Protein backbone atom coordinates (compact mmCIF):
# COMPACT_ATOMS: atom_id res chain seq x y z
CA UNK A 1 0.00 0.00 0.00
CA UNK A 2 1.27 3.48 -0.87
CA UNK A 3 -0.36 6.17 1.30
CA UNK A 4 0.70 8.92 -1.12
CA UNK A 5 -2.36 8.07 -3.22
CA UNK A 6 -4.66 8.79 -0.28
CA UNK A 7 -3.80 12.51 -0.45
CA UNK A 8 -5.22 12.88 -3.96
CA UNK A 9 -7.05 16.16 -4.59
CA UNK A 10 -9.34 17.26 -7.40
CA UNK A 11 -7.76 19.86 -9.70
CA UNK A 12 -10.28 20.56 -12.44
CA UNK A 13 -12.52 19.20 -15.20
CA UNK A 14 -11.40 20.07 -18.71
CA UNK A 15 -13.85 20.08 -21.64
CA UNK A 16 -10.98 20.92 -24.02
CA UNK A 17 -7.23 20.29 -24.04
CA UNK A 18 -6.60 24.01 -23.52
CA UNK A 19 -8.34 23.76 -20.14
CA UNK A 20 -6.02 21.05 -18.76
CA UNK A 21 -3.29 21.66 -16.15
CA UNK A 22 0.19 22.51 -17.44
CA UNK A 23 1.64 19.60 -19.40
CA UNK A 24 4.44 18.97 -16.90
CA UNK A 25 5.27 16.15 -14.51
CA UNK A 26 3.66 12.74 -14.96
CA UNK A 27 0.08 11.57 -15.49
CA UNK A 28 -1.62 8.19 -15.39
CA UNK A 29 -4.94 8.07 -17.25
CA UNK A 30 -7.84 5.83 -16.23
CA UNK A 31 -9.90 4.63 -19.18
CA UNK A 32 -12.88 2.33 -19.44
CA UNK A 33 -16.26 1.74 -20.94
CA UNK A 34 -19.15 3.45 -19.16
CA UNK A 35 -20.27 1.42 -16.15
CA UNK A 36 -17.01 -0.58 -15.98
CA UNK A 37 -16.29 0.81 -12.50
CA UNK A 38 -13.60 3.36 -13.40
CA UNK A 39 -14.62 6.13 -10.98
CA UNK A 40 -15.20 3.60 -8.19
CA UNK A 41 -11.68 2.26 -8.77
CA UNK A 42 -10.15 5.74 -8.45
CA UNK A 43 -12.06 6.35 -5.23
CA UNK A 44 -10.99 2.99 -3.80
CA UNK A 45 -7.33 3.51 -4.70
CA UNK A 46 -7.32 6.94 -3.04
CA UNK A 47 -9.50 5.91 -0.07
CA UNK A 48 -11.89 8.74 -0.85
CA UNK A 49 -15.56 8.02 -1.36
CA UNK A 50 -16.38 10.95 -3.62
CA UNK A 51 -13.13 12.07 -5.26
CA UNK A 52 -14.25 10.79 -8.67
CA UNK A 53 -17.94 11.31 -9.33
CA UNK A 54 -19.99 8.11 -9.41
CA UNK A 55 -23.42 8.02 -10.96
CA UNK A 56 -26.05 5.36 -11.50
CA UNK A 57 -26.35 6.84 -15.00
CA UNK A 58 -23.45 5.52 -17.10
CA UNK A 59 -21.44 8.05 -19.07
CA UNK A 60 -21.60 10.94 -16.63
CA UNK A 61 -17.83 11.50 -16.88
CA UNK A 62 -17.97 13.82 -19.88
CA UNK A 63 -14.71 15.73 -19.46
CA UNK A 64 -11.08 15.05 -18.57
CA UNK A 65 -11.01 15.09 -14.76
CA UNK A 66 -7.61 15.78 -13.18
CA UNK A 67 -6.49 14.81 -9.67
CA UNK A 68 -3.20 15.79 -8.03
CA UNK A 69 -1.32 13.03 -6.22
CA UNK A 70 1.86 15.04 -5.60
CA UNK A 71 3.08 18.27 -7.17
CA UNK A 72 4.45 16.31 -10.13
CA UNK A 73 2.06 13.34 -10.29
CA UNK A 74 -1.58 13.24 -11.41
CA UNK A 75 -4.45 10.88 -12.21
CA UNK A 76 -6.74 11.64 -15.14
CA UNK A 77 -10.26 10.20 -15.32
CA UNK A 78 -11.10 9.93 -19.03
CA UNK A 79 -14.68 10.09 -20.35
CA UNK A 80 -16.42 6.73 -20.15
CA UNK A 81 -17.48 5.37 -23.52
CA UNK A 82 -20.34 3.14 -24.58
CA UNK A 83 -23.60 3.02 -22.69
CA UNK A 84 -24.23 6.73 -22.24
CA UNK A 85 -27.69 7.81 -23.39
CA UNK A 86 -26.58 11.04 -25.02
CA UNK A 87 -26.78 12.32 -28.60
CA UNK A 88 -24.34 10.78 -31.06
CA UNK A 89 -22.73 14.20 -31.60
CA UNK A 90 -21.84 14.37 -27.89
CA UNK A 91 -20.32 10.88 -28.01
CA UNK A 92 -18.19 11.95 -30.97
CA UNK A 93 -17.10 15.03 -29.03
CA UNK A 94 -16.01 12.88 -26.06
CA UNK A 95 -14.13 10.54 -28.38
CA UNK A 96 -12.36 13.43 -30.11
CA UNK A 97 -11.35 14.88 -26.74
CA UNK A 98 -9.88 11.56 -25.65
CA UNK A 99 -8.02 11.07 -28.92
CA UNK A 100 -6.54 14.56 -28.73
CA UNK A 101 -5.47 14.07 -25.12
CA UNK A 102 -3.97 10.62 -25.73
CA UNK A 103 -2.02 11.70 -28.81
CA UNK A 104 -0.78 15.10 -27.61
CA UNK A 105 -0.28 14.92 -23.83
CA UNK A 106 3.47 14.74 -23.14
CA UNK A 107 3.13 14.04 -19.40
CA UNK A 108 1.05 10.87 -19.96
CA UNK A 109 3.17 7.96 -18.72
CA UNK A 110 0.73 5.04 -18.45
CA UNK A 111 -2.84 3.85 -18.87
CA UNK A 112 -5.04 1.95 -16.43
CA UNK A 113 -7.82 0.29 -18.42
CA UNK A 114 -10.83 -0.78 -16.34
CA UNK A 115 -12.96 -3.62 -17.70
CA UNK A 116 -15.99 -5.26 -16.14
CA UNK A 117 -14.73 -8.82 -15.57
CA UNK A 118 -18.07 -10.13 -16.85
CA UNK A 119 -17.66 -8.30 -20.18
CA UNK A 120 -13.91 -7.97 -20.93
CA UNK A 121 -12.24 -6.94 -24.18
CA UNK A 122 -15.02 -4.89 -25.73
CA UNK A 123 -14.43 -2.99 -28.97
CA UNK A 124 -13.50 0.09 -26.91
CA UNK A 125 -11.03 -1.93 -24.84
CA UNK A 126 -9.31 -3.14 -28.00
CA UNK A 127 -9.10 0.45 -29.28
CA UNK A 128 -7.26 1.45 -26.09
CA UNK A 129 -4.99 -1.59 -26.25
CA UNK A 130 -4.12 -0.86 -29.89
CA UNK A 131 -3.49 2.80 -29.05
CA UNK A 132 -1.08 1.78 -26.26
CA UNK A 133 0.60 -0.57 -28.72
CA UNK A 134 0.96 2.27 -31.23
CA UNK A 135 2.28 4.76 -28.65
CA UNK A 136 4.41 2.33 -26.66
CA UNK A 137 2.81 3.34 -23.37
CA UNK A 138 2.59 0.73 -20.60
CA UNK A 139 -0.88 -0.57 -19.81
CA UNK A 140 -2.32 -2.04 -16.60
CA UNK A 141 -5.73 -3.70 -16.86
CA UNK A 142 -8.17 -3.98 -13.98
CA UNK A 143 -10.78 -6.71 -14.35
CA UNK A 144 -13.20 -4.91 -12.07
CA UNK A 145 -16.28 -6.13 -10.20
CA UNK A 146 -14.51 -9.42 -9.50
CA UNK A 147 -16.86 -9.88 -6.54
CA UNK A 148 -19.67 -10.51 -9.04
CA UNK A 149 -18.12 -13.89 -9.98
CA UNK A 150 -16.88 -16.86 -7.99
CA UNK A 151 -13.12 -16.89 -7.52
CA UNK A 152 -12.78 -19.79 -9.97
CA UNK A 153 -14.80 -18.05 -12.69
CA UNK A 154 -12.91 -14.79 -12.15
CA UNK A 155 -9.57 -16.60 -12.36
CA UNK A 156 -10.62 -18.32 -15.59
CA UNK A 157 -11.53 -14.94 -17.11
CA UNK A 158 -8.16 -13.52 -16.04
CA UNK A 159 -6.33 -16.41 -17.72
CA UNK A 160 -8.47 -16.11 -20.87
CA UNK A 161 -7.79 -12.37 -21.19
CA UNK A 162 -4.10 -12.98 -20.51
CA UNK A 163 -4.01 -15.49 -23.37
CA UNK A 164 -5.78 -13.05 -25.74
CA UNK A 165 -3.18 -10.37 -25.01
CA UNK A 166 -0.11 -12.60 -25.04
CA UNK A 167 1.05 -11.59 -28.52
CA UNK A 168 0.89 -7.82 -28.05
CA UNK A 169 4.39 -6.25 -27.97
CA UNK A 170 3.80 -3.59 -25.30
CA UNK A 171 4.10 -3.89 -21.51
CA UNK A 172 0.67 -5.12 -20.34
CA UNK A 173 -0.13 -6.30 -16.83
CA UNK A 174 -3.55 -7.31 -15.56
CA UNK A 175 -5.29 -8.31 -12.37
CA UNK A 176 -8.63 -8.96 -10.73
CA UNK A 177 -10.06 -6.01 -8.82
CA UNK A 178 -13.09 -5.22 -6.66
CA UNK A 179 -13.93 -1.78 -5.32
CA UNK A 180 -16.65 -3.32 -3.14
CA UNK A 181 -14.37 -5.88 -1.47
CA UNK A 182 -11.19 -3.76 -1.78
CA UNK A 183 -9.57 -6.68 -3.60
CA UNK A 184 -6.31 -6.00 -5.44
CA UNK A 185 -5.65 -2.47 -4.16
CA UNK A 186 -2.01 -3.12 -3.17
CA UNK A 187 -1.36 -4.69 -6.56
CA UNK A 188 -2.69 -1.60 -8.36
CA UNK A 189 -0.60 0.71 -6.16
CA UNK A 190 2.52 -1.25 -7.16
CA UNK A 191 1.65 -0.88 -10.85
CA UNK A 192 1.09 2.87 -10.41
CA UNK A 193 4.39 3.20 -8.53
CA UNK A 194 6.14 1.46 -11.40
CA UNK A 195 4.57 3.71 -14.05
CA UNK A 196 5.62 6.85 -12.17
CA UNK A 197 9.10 5.64 -11.22
CA UNK A 198 10.06 4.29 -14.66
CA UNK A 199 8.93 7.50 -16.34
CA UNK A 200 10.82 9.57 -13.80
CA UNK A 201 13.99 7.59 -14.52
CA UNK A 202 13.50 8.16 -18.28
CA UNK A 203 12.95 11.89 -17.67
CA UNK A 204 16.12 12.11 -15.58
CA UNK A 205 18.13 10.31 -18.27
CA UNK A 206 16.86 12.75 -20.90
CA UNK A 207 17.82 15.71 -18.70
CA UNK A 208 21.27 14.27 -18.02
C-alpha atoms as a PDB file:
ATOM      1  CA  UNK A   1       0.000   0.000   0.000  1.00  0.00           C
ATOM      2  CA  UNK A   2       1.273   3.476  -0.870  1.00  0.00           C
ATOM      3  CA  UNK A   3      -0.363   6.167   1.302  1.00  0.00           C
ATOM      4  CA  UNK A   4       0.703   8.916  -1.125  1.00  0.00           C
ATOM      5  CA  UNK A   5      -2.365   8.072  -3.225  1.00  0.00           C
ATOM      6  CA  UNK A   6      -4.662   8.786  -0.283  1.00  0.00           C
ATOM      7  CA  UNK A   7      -3.795  12.510  -0.449  1.00  0.00           C
ATOM      8  CA  UNK A   8      -5.222  12.885  -3.959  1.00  0.00           C
ATOM      9  CA  UNK A   9      -7.049  16.158  -4.590  1.00  0.00           C
ATOM     10  CA  UNK A  10      -9.340  17.256  -7.405  1.00  0.00           C
ATOM     11  CA  UNK A  11      -7.756  19.865  -9.697  1.00  0.00           C
ATOM     12  CA  UNK A  12     -10.283  20.560 -12.443  1.00  0.00           C
ATOM     13  CA  UNK A  13     -12.522  19.203 -15.198  1.00  0.00           C
ATOM     14  CA  UNK A  14     -11.404  20.066 -18.708  1.00  0.00           C
ATOM     15  CA  UNK A  15     -13.851  20.077 -21.643  1.00  0.00           C
ATOM     16  CA  UNK A  16     -10.979  20.920 -24.019  1.00  0.00           C
ATOM     17  CA  UNK A  17      -7.232  20.291 -24.038  1.00  0.00           C
ATOM     18  CA  UNK A  18      -6.599  24.014 -23.515  1.00  0.00           C
ATOM     19  CA  UNK A  19      -8.341  23.762 -20.135  1.00  0.00           C
ATOM     20  CA  UNK A  20      -6.018  21.055 -18.765  1.00  0.00           C
ATOM     21  CA  UNK A  21      -3.292  21.664 -16.150  1.00  0.00           C
ATOM     22  CA  UNK A  22       0.191  22.505 -17.437  1.00  0.00           C
ATOM     23  CA  UNK A  23       1.639  19.598 -19.395  1.00  0.00           C
ATOM     24  CA  UNK A  24       4.444  18.965 -16.904  1.00  0.00           C
ATOM     25  CA  UNK A  25       5.266  16.150 -14.505  1.00  0.00           C
ATOM     26  CA  UNK A  26       3.663  12.741 -14.957  1.00  0.00           C
ATOM     27  CA  UNK A  27       0.085  11.570 -15.487  1.00  0.00           C
ATOM     28  CA  UNK A  28      -1.624   8.186 -15.394  1.00  0.00           C
ATOM     29  CA  UNK A  29      -4.940   8.073 -17.249  1.00  0.00           C
ATOM     30  CA  UNK A  30      -7.838   5.825 -16.228  1.00  0.00           C
ATOM     31  CA  UNK A  31      -9.899   4.629 -19.176  1.00  0.00           C
ATOM     32  CA  UNK A  32     -12.882   2.332 -19.437  1.00  0.00           C
ATOM     33  CA  UNK A  33     -16.262   1.743 -20.943  1.00  0.00           C
ATOM     34  CA  UNK A  34     -19.146   3.452 -19.159  1.00  0.00           C
ATOM     35  CA  UNK A  35     -20.266   1.422 -16.155  1.00  0.00           C
ATOM     36  CA  UNK A  36     -17.007  -0.581 -15.979  1.00  0.00           C
ATOM     37  CA  UNK A  37     -16.288   0.809 -12.501  1.00  0.00           C
ATOM     38  CA  UNK A  38     -13.603   3.358 -13.402  1.00  0.00           C
ATOM     39  CA  UNK A  39     -14.621   6.132 -10.978  1.00  0.00           C
ATOM     40  CA  UNK A  40     -15.196   3.599  -8.186  1.00  0.00           C
ATOM     41  CA  UNK A  41     -11.677   2.255  -8.771  1.00  0.00           C
ATOM     42  CA  UNK A  42     -10.147   5.741  -8.452  1.00  0.00           C
ATOM     43  CA  UNK A  43     -12.063   6.350  -5.226  1.00  0.00           C
ATOM     44  CA  UNK A  44     -10.990   2.986  -3.798  1.00  0.00           C
ATOM     45  CA  UNK A  45      -7.332   3.508  -4.702  1.00  0.00           C
ATOM     46  CA  UNK A  46      -7.317   6.939  -3.042  1.00  0.00           C
ATOM     47  CA  UNK A  47      -9.496   5.906  -0.067  1.00  0.00           C
ATOM     48  CA  UNK A  48     -11.887   8.736  -0.850  1.00  0.00           C
ATOM     49  CA  UNK A  49     -15.561   8.024  -1.364  1.00  0.00           C
ATOM     50  CA  UNK A  50     -16.384  10.950  -3.625  1.00  0.00           C
ATOM     51  CA  UNK A  51     -13.131  12.068  -5.264  1.00  0.00           C
ATOM     52  CA  UNK A  52     -14.246  10.786  -8.671  1.00  0.00           C
ATOM     53  CA  UNK A  53     -17.941  11.310  -9.329  1.00  0.00           C
ATOM     54  CA  UNK A  54     -19.990   8.113  -9.411  1.00  0.00           C
ATOM     55  CA  UNK A  55     -23.420   8.021 -10.958  1.00  0.00           C
ATOM     56  CA  UNK A  56     -26.053   5.362 -11.503  1.00  0.00           C
ATOM     57  CA  UNK A  57     -26.354   6.841 -14.998  1.00  0.00           C
ATOM     58  CA  UNK A  58     -23.448   5.516 -17.102  1.00  0.00           C
ATOM     59  CA  UNK A  59     -21.445   8.050 -19.073  1.00  0.00           C
ATOM     60  CA  UNK A  60     -21.596  10.940 -16.627  1.00  0.00           C
ATOM     61  CA  UNK A  61     -17.833  11.502 -16.877  1.00  0.00           C
ATOM     62  CA  UNK A  62     -17.971  13.825 -19.879  1.00  0.00           C
ATOM     63  CA  UNK A  63     -14.707  15.728 -19.460  1.00  0.00           C
ATOM     64  CA  UNK A  64     -11.080  15.053 -18.566  1.00  0.00           C
ATOM     65  CA  UNK A  65     -11.007  15.091 -14.757  1.00  0.00           C
ATOM     66  CA  UNK A  66      -7.612  15.781 -13.182  1.00  0.00           C
ATOM     67  CA  UNK A  67      -6.487  14.811  -9.667  1.00  0.00           C
ATOM     68  CA  UNK A  68      -3.199  15.793  -8.029  1.00  0.00           C
ATOM     69  CA  UNK A  69      -1.319  13.026  -6.218  1.00  0.00           C
ATOM     70  CA  UNK A  70       1.856  15.040  -5.602  1.00  0.00           C
ATOM     71  CA  UNK A  71       3.084  18.274  -7.171  1.00  0.00           C
ATOM     72  CA  UNK A  72       4.449  16.309 -10.126  1.00  0.00           C
ATOM     73  CA  UNK A  73       2.060  13.339 -10.291  1.00  0.00           C
ATOM     74  CA  UNK A  74      -1.584  13.244 -11.409  1.00  0.00           C
ATOM     75  CA  UNK A  75      -4.450  10.878 -12.209  1.00  0.00           C
ATOM     76  CA  UNK A  76      -6.744  11.637 -15.136  1.00  0.00           C
ATOM     77  CA  UNK A  77     -10.259  10.205 -15.325  1.00  0.00           C
ATOM     78  CA  UNK A  78     -11.096   9.934 -19.031  1.00  0.00           C
ATOM     79  CA  UNK A  79     -14.679  10.090 -20.353  1.00  0.00           C
ATOM     80  CA  UNK A  80     -16.425   6.730 -20.152  1.00  0.00           C
ATOM     81  CA  UNK A  81     -17.481   5.371 -23.517  1.00  0.00           C
ATOM     82  CA  UNK A  82     -20.343   3.143 -24.583  1.00  0.00           C
ATOM     83  CA  UNK A  83     -23.601   3.018 -22.688  1.00  0.00           C
ATOM     84  CA  UNK A  84     -24.234   6.733 -22.240  1.00  0.00           C
ATOM     85  CA  UNK A  85     -27.688   7.807 -23.392  1.00  0.00           C
ATOM     86  CA  UNK A  86     -26.578  11.037 -25.017  1.00  0.00           C
ATOM     87  CA  UNK A  87     -26.783  12.321 -28.601  1.00  0.00           C
ATOM     88  CA  UNK A  88     -24.339  10.780 -31.064  1.00  0.00           C
ATOM     89  CA  UNK A  89     -22.734  14.198 -31.604  1.00  0.00           C
ATOM     90  CA  UNK A  90     -21.842  14.372 -27.895  1.00  0.00           C
ATOM     91  CA  UNK A  91     -20.319  10.878 -28.006  1.00  0.00           C
ATOM     92  CA  UNK A  92     -18.185  11.950 -30.975  1.00  0.00           C
ATOM     93  CA  UNK A  93     -17.096  15.029 -29.033  1.00  0.00           C
ATOM     94  CA  UNK A  94     -16.008  12.876 -26.062  1.00  0.00           C
ATOM     95  CA  UNK A  95     -14.126  10.537 -28.377  1.00  0.00           C
ATOM     96  CA  UNK A  96     -12.363  13.431 -30.113  1.00  0.00           C
ATOM     97  CA  UNK A  97     -11.354  14.884 -26.739  1.00  0.00           C
ATOM     98  CA  UNK A  98      -9.881  11.560 -25.645  1.00  0.00           C
ATOM     99  CA  UNK A  99      -8.022  11.070 -28.923  1.00  0.00           C
ATOM    100  CA  UNK A 100      -6.542  14.564 -28.735  1.00  0.00           C
ATOM    101  CA  UNK A 101      -5.474  14.073 -25.124  1.00  0.00           C
ATOM    102  CA  UNK A 102      -3.970  10.622 -25.732  1.00  0.00           C
ATOM    103  CA  UNK A 103      -2.020  11.702 -28.805  1.00  0.00           C
ATOM    104  CA  UNK A 104      -0.779  15.103 -27.612  1.00  0.00           C
ATOM    105  CA  UNK A 105      -0.283  14.921 -23.829  1.00  0.00           C
ATOM    106  CA  UNK A 106       3.470  14.737 -23.143  1.00  0.00           C
ATOM    107  CA  UNK A 107       3.134  14.035 -19.401  1.00  0.00           C
ATOM    108  CA  UNK A 108       1.052  10.874 -19.961  1.00  0.00           C
ATOM    109  CA  UNK A 109       3.170   7.959 -18.724  1.00  0.00           C
ATOM    110  CA  UNK A 110       0.735   5.043 -18.454  1.00  0.00           C
ATOM    111  CA  UNK A 111      -2.842   3.853 -18.868  1.00  0.00           C
ATOM    112  CA  UNK A 112      -5.038   1.953 -16.430  1.00  0.00           C
ATOM    113  CA  UNK A 113      -7.817   0.289 -18.423  1.00  0.00           C
ATOM    114  CA  UNK A 114     -10.830  -0.775 -16.341  1.00  0.00           C
ATOM    115  CA  UNK A 115     -12.960  -3.617 -17.703  1.00  0.00           C
ATOM    116  CA  UNK A 116     -15.989  -5.260 -16.140  1.00  0.00           C
ATOM    117  CA  UNK A 117     -14.731  -8.819 -15.566  1.00  0.00           C
ATOM    118  CA  UNK A 118     -18.070 -10.134 -16.849  1.00  0.00           C
ATOM    119  CA  UNK A 119     -17.656  -8.295 -20.183  1.00  0.00           C
ATOM    120  CA  UNK A 120     -13.915  -7.968 -20.929  1.00  0.00           C
ATOM    121  CA  UNK A 121     -12.240  -6.942 -24.181  1.00  0.00           C
ATOM    122  CA  UNK A 122     -15.019  -4.893 -25.728  1.00  0.00           C
ATOM    123  CA  UNK A 123     -14.428  -2.992 -28.966  1.00  0.00           C
ATOM    124  CA  UNK A 124     -13.501   0.090 -26.914  1.00  0.00           C
ATOM    125  CA  UNK A 125     -11.029  -1.929 -24.838  1.00  0.00           C
ATOM    126  CA  UNK A 126      -9.315  -3.139 -27.996  1.00  0.00           C
ATOM    127  CA  UNK A 127      -9.101   0.450 -29.281  1.00  0.00           C
ATOM    128  CA  UNK A 128      -7.263   1.449 -26.087  1.00  0.00           C
ATOM    129  CA  UNK A 129      -4.986  -1.588 -26.248  1.00  0.00           C
ATOM    130  CA  UNK A 130      -4.121  -0.856 -29.886  1.00  0.00           C
ATOM    131  CA  UNK A 131      -3.492   2.796 -29.052  1.00  0.00           C
ATOM    132  CA  UNK A 132      -1.075   1.781 -26.262  1.00  0.00           C
ATOM    133  CA  UNK A 133       0.599  -0.571 -28.719  1.00  0.00           C
ATOM    134  CA  UNK A 134       0.959   2.271 -31.234  1.00  0.00           C
ATOM    135  CA  UNK A 135       2.277   4.765 -28.655  1.00  0.00           C
ATOM    136  CA  UNK A 136       4.415   2.326 -26.663  1.00  0.00           C
ATOM    137  CA  UNK A 137       2.809   3.342 -23.369  1.00  0.00           C
ATOM    138  CA  UNK A 138       2.592   0.727 -20.600  1.00  0.00           C
ATOM    139  CA  UNK A 139      -0.881  -0.571 -19.806  1.00  0.00           C
ATOM    140  CA  UNK A 140      -2.320  -2.041 -16.603  1.00  0.00           C
ATOM    141  CA  UNK A 141      -5.729  -3.703 -16.861  1.00  0.00           C
ATOM    142  CA  UNK A 142      -8.168  -3.979 -13.976  1.00  0.00           C
ATOM    143  CA  UNK A 143     -10.779  -6.712 -14.345  1.00  0.00           C
ATOM    144  CA  UNK A 144     -13.205  -4.915 -12.073  1.00  0.00           C
ATOM    145  CA  UNK A 145     -16.277  -6.127 -10.201  1.00  0.00           C
ATOM    146  CA  UNK A 146     -14.507  -9.425  -9.505  1.00  0.00           C
ATOM    147  CA  UNK A 147     -16.864  -9.880  -6.542  1.00  0.00           C
ATOM    148  CA  UNK A 148     -19.673 -10.515  -9.039  1.00  0.00           C
ATOM    149  CA  UNK A 149     -18.116 -13.892  -9.979  1.00  0.00           C
ATOM    150  CA  UNK A 150     -16.881 -16.857  -7.989  1.00  0.00           C
ATOM    151  CA  UNK A 151     -13.118 -16.888  -7.522  1.00  0.00           C
ATOM    152  CA  UNK A 152     -12.782 -19.789  -9.970  1.00  0.00           C
ATOM    153  CA  UNK A 153     -14.798 -18.053 -12.689  1.00  0.00           C
ATOM    154  CA  UNK A 154     -12.910 -14.792 -12.152  1.00  0.00           C
ATOM    155  CA  UNK A 155      -9.565 -16.597 -12.365  1.00  0.00           C
ATOM    156  CA  UNK A 156     -10.617 -18.321 -15.587  1.00  0.00           C
ATOM    157  CA  UNK A 157     -11.526 -14.939 -17.105  1.00  0.00           C
ATOM    158  CA  UNK A 158      -8.158 -13.522 -16.038  1.00  0.00           C
ATOM    159  CA  UNK A 159      -6.332 -16.405 -17.719  1.00  0.00           C
ATOM    160  CA  UNK A 160      -8.472 -16.111 -20.869  1.00  0.00           C
ATOM    161  CA  UNK A 161      -7.785 -12.366 -21.192  1.00  0.00           C
ATOM    162  CA  UNK A 162      -4.102 -12.982 -20.505  1.00  0.00           C
ATOM    163  CA  UNK A 163      -4.011 -15.490 -23.372  1.00  0.00           C
ATOM    164  CA  UNK A 164      -5.777 -13.048 -25.740  1.00  0.00           C
ATOM    165  CA  UNK A 165      -3.177 -10.374 -25.007  1.00  0.00           C
ATOM    166  CA  UNK A 166      -0.110 -12.603 -25.037  1.00  0.00           C
ATOM    167  CA  UNK A 167       1.048 -11.594 -28.516  1.00  0.00           C
ATOM    168  CA  UNK A 168       0.890  -7.823 -28.046  1.00  0.00           C
ATOM    169  CA  UNK A 169       4.392  -6.254 -27.968  1.00  0.00           C
ATOM    170  CA  UNK A 170       3.801  -3.588 -25.301  1.00  0.00           C
ATOM    171  CA  UNK A 171       4.096  -3.887 -21.506  1.00  0.00           C
ATOM    172  CA  UNK A 172       0.673  -5.116 -20.338  1.00  0.00           C
ATOM    173  CA  UNK A 173      -0.130  -6.299 -16.834  1.00  0.00           C
ATOM    174  CA  UNK A 174      -3.547  -7.307 -15.562  1.00  0.00           C
ATOM    175  CA  UNK A 175      -5.287  -8.312 -12.371  1.00  0.00           C
ATOM    176  CA  UNK A 176      -8.629  -8.959 -10.733  1.00  0.00           C
ATOM    177  CA  UNK A 177     -10.060  -6.010  -8.816  1.00  0.00           C
ATOM    178  CA  UNK A 178     -13.088  -5.224  -6.665  1.00  0.00           C
ATOM    179  CA  UNK A 179     -13.930  -1.778  -5.322  1.00  0.00           C
ATOM    180  CA  UNK A 180     -16.647  -3.319  -3.141  1.00  0.00           C
ATOM    181  CA  UNK A 181     -14.369  -5.883  -1.471  1.00  0.00           C
ATOM    182  CA  UNK A 182     -11.193  -3.763  -1.782  1.00  0.00           C
ATOM    183  CA  UNK A 183      -9.569  -6.683  -3.600  1.00  0.00           C
ATOM    184  CA  UNK A 184      -6.315  -5.998  -5.444  1.00  0.00           C
ATOM    185  CA  UNK A 185      -5.654  -2.471  -4.156  1.00  0.00           C
ATOM    186  CA  UNK A 186      -2.012  -3.123  -3.170  1.00  0.00           C
ATOM    187  CA  UNK A 187      -1.360  -4.689  -6.562  1.00  0.00           C
ATOM    188  CA  UNK A 188      -2.686  -1.603  -8.362  1.00  0.00           C
ATOM    189  CA  UNK A 189      -0.602   0.707  -6.163  1.00  0.00           C
ATOM    190  CA  UNK A 190       2.525  -1.248  -7.157  1.00  0.00           C
ATOM    191  CA  UNK A 191       1.654  -0.881 -10.848  1.00  0.00           C
ATOM    192  CA  UNK A 192       1.087   2.874 -10.406  1.00  0.00           C
ATOM    193  CA  UNK A 193       4.387   3.197  -8.527  1.00  0.00           C
ATOM    194  CA  UNK A 194       6.139   1.462 -11.397  1.00  0.00           C
ATOM    195  CA  UNK A 195       4.567   3.715 -14.047  1.00  0.00           C
ATOM    196  CA  UNK A 196       5.617   6.848 -12.170  1.00  0.00           C
ATOM    197  CA  UNK A 197       9.101   5.638 -11.223  1.00  0.00           C
ATOM    198  CA  UNK A 198      10.060   4.292 -14.659  1.00  0.00           C
ATOM    199  CA  UNK A 199       8.926   7.502 -16.338  1.00  0.00           C
ATOM    200  CA  UNK A 200      10.825   9.575 -13.796  1.00  0.00           C
ATOM    201  CA  UNK A 201      13.989   7.592 -14.523  1.00  0.00           C
ATOM    202  CA  UNK A 202      13.503   8.159 -18.281  1.00  0.00           C
ATOM    203  CA  UNK A 203      12.953  11.886 -17.670  1.00  0.00           C
ATOM    204  CA  UNK A 204      16.123  12.112 -15.579  1.00  0.00           C
ATOM    205  CA  UNK A 205      18.130  10.309 -18.274  1.00  0.00           C
ATOM    206  CA  UNK A 206      16.856  12.750 -20.897  1.00  0.00           C
ATOM    207  CA  UNK A 207      17.818  15.710 -18.701  1.00  0.00           C
ATOM    208  CA  UNK A 208      21.267  14.272 -18.019  1.00  0.00           C
END
